[in-house]
Amino acid sequence: MENCIFCKIANGKIPAATLYEDENFRVILDLGPASKGHALILPKSHAANIYELSDEMAAKAMILAKKMATAMTAALKCDGFNIVQNNGECAGQTVFHFHMHLIPRYKGDQVGITWHPGELSDADKEEILLKVKEQLS
């Protein structure tokens, strides 16, 4: 996509601190990191979100996320790791080019990727099961 900042970064038109690159992806350090080592996996081809991403690219992105998390954990000696992928503004997506956040976690880092657990009512459970299974068939 012509005006997409992440397309430009992923394809080398804008410089970035690149941790990894192959024919499909570039992994860069995030300029606004949640923690030390926070990085982004950027596909070189444009998809606005996970819904537009091909199954093949989604699989490759997850395999790369595992590879990067393993290498980053060893290199940074972090205590844990978050892999985060947001879709839509209300879910926290701010750049509409599919990307995955690789966030090393350190004890006491106060990075906020949590929620307050609610309760799953029987009515909600039955409605969700029915509606999602309809979409899958």
Protein backbone atom coordinates (compact mmCIF):
# COMPACT_ATOMS: atom_id res chain seq x y z
CA MET A 1 0.00 0.00 0.00
CA GLU A 2 1.47 3.29 -1.13
CA ASN A 3 0.95 5.47 1.97
CA CYS A 4 1.38 2.78 4.64
CA ILE A 5 4.25 3.60 7.01
CA PHE A 6 4.73 -0.07 7.94
CA CYS A 7 4.88 -1.10 4.26
CA LYS A 8 7.65 1.46 3.80
CA ILE A 9 9.57 0.26 6.87
CA ALA A 10 9.08 -3.45 6.08
CA ASN A 11 10.37 -2.95 2.54
CA GLY A 12 13.41 -0.87 3.53
CA LYS A 13 12.19 2.50 2.24
CA ILE A 14 12.40 3.96 5.75
CA PRO A 15 15.35 2.99 7.96
CA ALA A 16 14.68 0.96 11.10
CA ALA A 17 16.62 -1.00 13.70
CA THR A 18 16.21 -4.41 12.07
CA LEU A 19 16.61 -7.54 14.19
CA TYR A 20 15.67 -9.99 11.42
CA GLU A 21 14.65 -9.98 7.77
CA ASP A 22 13.62 -12.59 5.22
CA GLU A 23 11.63 -12.53 1.97
CA ASN A 24 8.30 -12.12 3.81
CA PHE A 25 9.01 -10.16 7.00
CA ARG A 26 11.13 -7.57 8.72
CA VAL A 27 11.39 -7.52 12.52
CA ILE A 28 12.25 -4.13 13.97
CA LEU A 29 12.70 -2.57 17.38
CA ASP A 30 9.64 -0.53 18.38
CA LEU A 31 10.40 3.20 18.72
CA GLY A 32 7.90 3.43 21.60
CA PRO A 33 8.77 0.28 23.53
CA ALA A 34 6.65 -1.13 26.35
CA SER A 35 9.80 -2.82 27.68
CA LYS A 36 13.47 -3.25 26.81
CA GLY A 37 13.64 -5.14 23.51
CA HIS A 38 10.01 -4.58 22.40
CA ALA A 39 9.94 -5.42 18.68
CA LEU A 40 7.44 -5.64 15.82
CA ILE A 41 7.02 -8.32 13.18
CA LEU A 42 6.02 -6.58 9.93
CA PRO A 43 4.97 -8.49 6.81
CA LYS A 44 6.41 -6.99 3.63
CA SER A 45 3.06 -7.39 1.86
CA HIS A 46 0.17 -5.25 3.06
CA ALA A 47 -2.75 -6.61 5.03
CA ALA A 48 -4.61 -4.18 7.28
CA ASN A 49 -5.29 -6.79 9.96
CA ILE A 50 -5.49 -10.51 10.65
CA TYR A 51 -8.74 -10.78 8.68
CA GLU A 52 -6.94 -9.74 5.48
CA LEU A 53 -3.85 -11.88 6.10
CA SER A 54 -3.62 -15.14 4.16
CA ASP A 55 -3.57 -18.37 6.16
CA GLU A 56 -0.06 -19.04 4.83
CA MET A 57 1.27 -15.67 6.03
CA ALA A 58 -0.50 -16.04 9.38
CA ALA A 59 1.22 -19.39 9.90
CA LYS A 60 4.60 -17.96 8.89
CA ALA A 61 4.10 -14.99 11.24
CA MET A 62 3.45 -17.27 14.20
CA ILE A 63 6.44 -19.47 13.42
CA LEU A 64 8.60 -16.34 13.19
CA ALA A 65 7.15 -15.04 16.48
CA LYS A 66 8.23 -18.27 18.20
CA LYS A 67 11.72 -18.05 16.65
CA MET A 68 12.13 -14.41 17.68
CA ALA A 69 10.73 -14.93 21.20
CA THR A 70 13.17 -17.79 21.75
CA ALA A 71 16.17 -15.78 20.53
CA MET A 72 15.15 -12.60 22.34
CA THR A 73 14.52 -14.40 25.65
CA ALA A 74 18.00 -15.93 25.50
CA ALA A 75 19.67 -12.67 24.44
CA LEU A 76 17.85 -10.31 26.82
CA LYS A 77 17.53 -12.68 29.78
CA CYS A 78 13.91 -11.60 30.24
CA ASP A 79 11.63 -13.38 32.72
CA GLY A 80 8.67 -13.87 30.38
CA PHE A 81 7.33 -12.86 27.00
CA ASN A 82 4.13 -11.47 25.45
CA ILE A 83 3.20 -11.88 21.81
CA VAL A 84 0.40 -9.40 21.09
CA GLN A 85 -1.57 -8.78 17.92
CA ASN A 86 -4.35 -6.16 17.84
CA ASN A 87 -7.15 -5.84 15.27
CA GLY A 88 -9.24 -2.69 15.08
CA GLU A 89 -9.03 0.62 16.88
CA CYS A 90 -11.02 -0.53 19.91
CA ALA A 91 -8.55 -3.42 20.33
CA GLY A 92 -5.60 -1.03 20.42
CA GLN A 93 -4.52 -1.16 16.76
CA THR A 94 -3.03 2.22 15.81
CA VAL A 95 -1.29 1.37 12.53
CA PHE A 96 -3.53 -0.48 10.09
CA HIS A 97 -0.93 -2.86 8.71
CA PHE A 98 -0.93 -6.31 10.34
CA HIS A 99 1.88 -6.57 12.88
CA MET A 100 2.77 -8.57 15.95
CA HIS A 101 4.29 -7.08 19.08
CA LEU A 102 7.11 -9.06 20.67
CA ILE A 103 7.33 -7.81 24.25
CA PRO A 104 10.00 -9.15 26.57
CA ARG A 105 8.78 -9.12 30.17
CA TYR A 106 10.82 -8.49 33.27
CA LYS A 107 9.74 -9.01 36.89
CA GLY A 108 8.26 -5.75 38.17
CA ASP A 109 8.22 -4.06 34.73
CA GLN A 110 4.61 -2.83 35.17
CA VAL A 111 3.81 -3.38 31.49
CA GLY A 112 0.01 -3.49 31.37
CA ILE A 113 -1.25 -6.38 29.28
CA THR A 114 -3.87 -7.67 31.68
CA TRP A 115 -7.62 -7.51 32.25
CA HIS A 116 -10.05 -8.09 35.08
CA PRO A 117 -11.64 -11.52 34.58
CA GLY A 118 -15.40 -11.44 34.20
CA GLU A 119 -17.83 -14.34 34.36
CA LEU A 120 -19.14 -16.52 31.54
CA SER A 121 -22.90 -16.92 32.02
CA ASP A 122 -24.66 -20.01 30.70
CA ALA A 123 -26.72 -17.83 28.34
CA ASP A 124 -23.62 -16.11 26.91
CA LYS A 125 -21.80 -19.43 26.60
CA GLU A 126 -24.64 -21.00 24.62
CA GLU A 127 -25.06 -17.94 22.37
CA ILE A 128 -21.33 -17.74 21.62
CA LEU A 129 -21.01 -21.48 20.95
CA LEU A 130 -23.97 -21.40 18.55
CA LYS A 131 -22.97 -18.25 16.63
CA VAL A 132 -19.28 -19.07 16.22
CA LYS A 133 -19.92 -22.67 15.21
CA GLU A 134 -22.40 -21.40 12.57
CA GLN A 135 -19.66 -19.22 11.09
CA LEU A 136 -17.21 -22.13 11.01
CA SER A 137 -19.55 -24.48 9.16
